């Protein structure tokens, strides 16, 4: 039986997830990635085939399907909630 490497749970479900990857200071959003998700802690894992496909997409000649802009904030611990 497969166990979650984070919490040890043996219960999982399949889901399409979205992940952000950072390569050389540039961010890439990949949508609809097939993942196995731990039912207890939510840890996501990917098959070897999926991981390789993502690697090829990010380092290859695949063109993005769309582009988005993103606001970037720097954490400032001295700020207080209003």
Protein backbone atom coordinates (compact mmCIF):
# COMPACT_ATOMS: atom_id res chain seq x y z
CA UNK A 1 0.00 0.00 0.00
CA UNK A 2 1.24 3.49 -0.87
CA UNK A 3 1.59 5.96 2.01
CA UNK A 4 1.77 9.74 1.96
CA UNK A 5 5.39 10.79 2.58
CA UNK A 6 4.17 13.78 4.64
CA UNK A 7 1.53 12.35 7.01
CA UNK A 8 1.55 8.59 6.40
CA UNK A 9 -2.09 8.41 5.27
CA UNK A 10 -3.06 5.65 2.84
CA UNK A 11 -6.09 7.45 1.41
CA UNK A 12 -5.76 9.38 -1.84
CA UNK A 13 -7.90 10.80 -4.64
CA UNK A 14 -7.13 11.89 -8.20
CA UNK A 15 -7.52 15.56 -9.16
CA UNK A 16 -6.39 18.05 -11.80
CA UNK A 17 -4.28 20.71 -10.08
CA UNK A 18 -2.53 23.98 -10.94
CA UNK A 19 1.11 24.59 -10.01
CA UNK A 20 3.47 27.56 -10.33
CA UNK A 21 7.09 26.85 -11.26
CA UNK A 22 9.97 29.33 -11.06
CA UNK A 23 12.84 28.89 -13.51
CA UNK A 24 15.65 31.44 -13.74
CA UNK A 25 13.51 34.08 -12.01
CA UNK A 26 10.57 33.62 -14.39
CA UNK A 27 7.26 32.14 -13.23
CA UNK A 28 5.24 29.58 -15.17
CA UNK A 29 1.68 28.54 -14.31
CA UNK A 30 0.74 25.03 -15.44
CA UNK A 31 -2.95 24.13 -15.27
CA UNK A 32 -4.81 20.81 -15.30
CA UNK A 33 -1.95 18.62 -14.08
CA UNK A 34 -3.15 15.12 -13.13
CA UNK A 35 -2.16 14.55 -9.50
CA UNK A 36 -2.67 12.07 -6.70
CA UNK A 37 -3.73 14.02 -3.61
CA UNK A 38 -3.56 12.83 0.01
CA UNK A 39 -7.05 12.85 1.53
CA UNK A 40 -5.64 13.73 4.95
CA UNK A 41 -3.07 16.50 4.41
CA UNK A 42 -3.59 17.54 0.76
CA UNK A 43 -0.03 16.73 -0.36
CA UNK A 44 0.08 16.40 -4.14
CA UNK A 45 2.22 13.92 -6.03
CA UNK A 46 2.75 13.35 -9.73
CA UNK A 47 3.61 10.27 -11.76
CA UNK A 48 7.03 10.06 -13.40
CA UNK A 49 5.38 10.46 -16.80
CA UNK A 50 3.56 13.62 -15.70
CA UNK A 51 6.71 15.07 -14.15
CA UNK A 52 8.66 14.43 -17.36
CA UNK A 53 5.91 15.99 -19.50
CA UNK A 54 5.98 19.14 -17.34
CA UNK A 55 9.79 19.28 -17.56
CA UNK A 56 9.63 19.06 -21.36
CA UNK A 57 6.93 21.76 -21.47
CA UNK A 58 8.89 24.16 -19.27
CA UNK A 59 12.29 23.65 -20.91
CA UNK A 60 11.14 22.98 -24.47
CA UNK A 61 9.58 24.87 -27.31
CA UNK A 62 5.95 24.68 -26.08
CA UNK A 63 4.15 28.00 -26.47
CA UNK A 64 1.90 29.21 -23.65
CA UNK A 65 -1.85 29.13 -24.27
CA UNK A 66 -2.23 32.54 -22.58
CA UNK A 67 -0.33 35.11 -20.49
CA UNK A 68 -1.44 36.81 -17.27
CA UNK A 69 -0.09 39.64 -15.14
CA UNK A 70 0.45 39.12 -11.43
CA UNK A 71 0.79 41.47 -8.47
CA UNK A 72 3.88 40.77 -6.37
CA UNK A 73 4.03 41.62 -2.67
CA UNK A 74 6.93 41.30 -0.25
CA UNK A 75 6.12 40.01 3.22
CA UNK A 76 6.49 42.75 5.83
CA UNK A 77 6.13 41.40 9.39
CA UNK A 78 5.75 44.87 10.95
CA UNK A 79 2.41 45.50 9.14
CA UNK A 80 -0.71 45.10 11.27
CA UNK A 81 -4.15 44.10 10.06
CA UNK A 82 -6.69 46.93 10.04
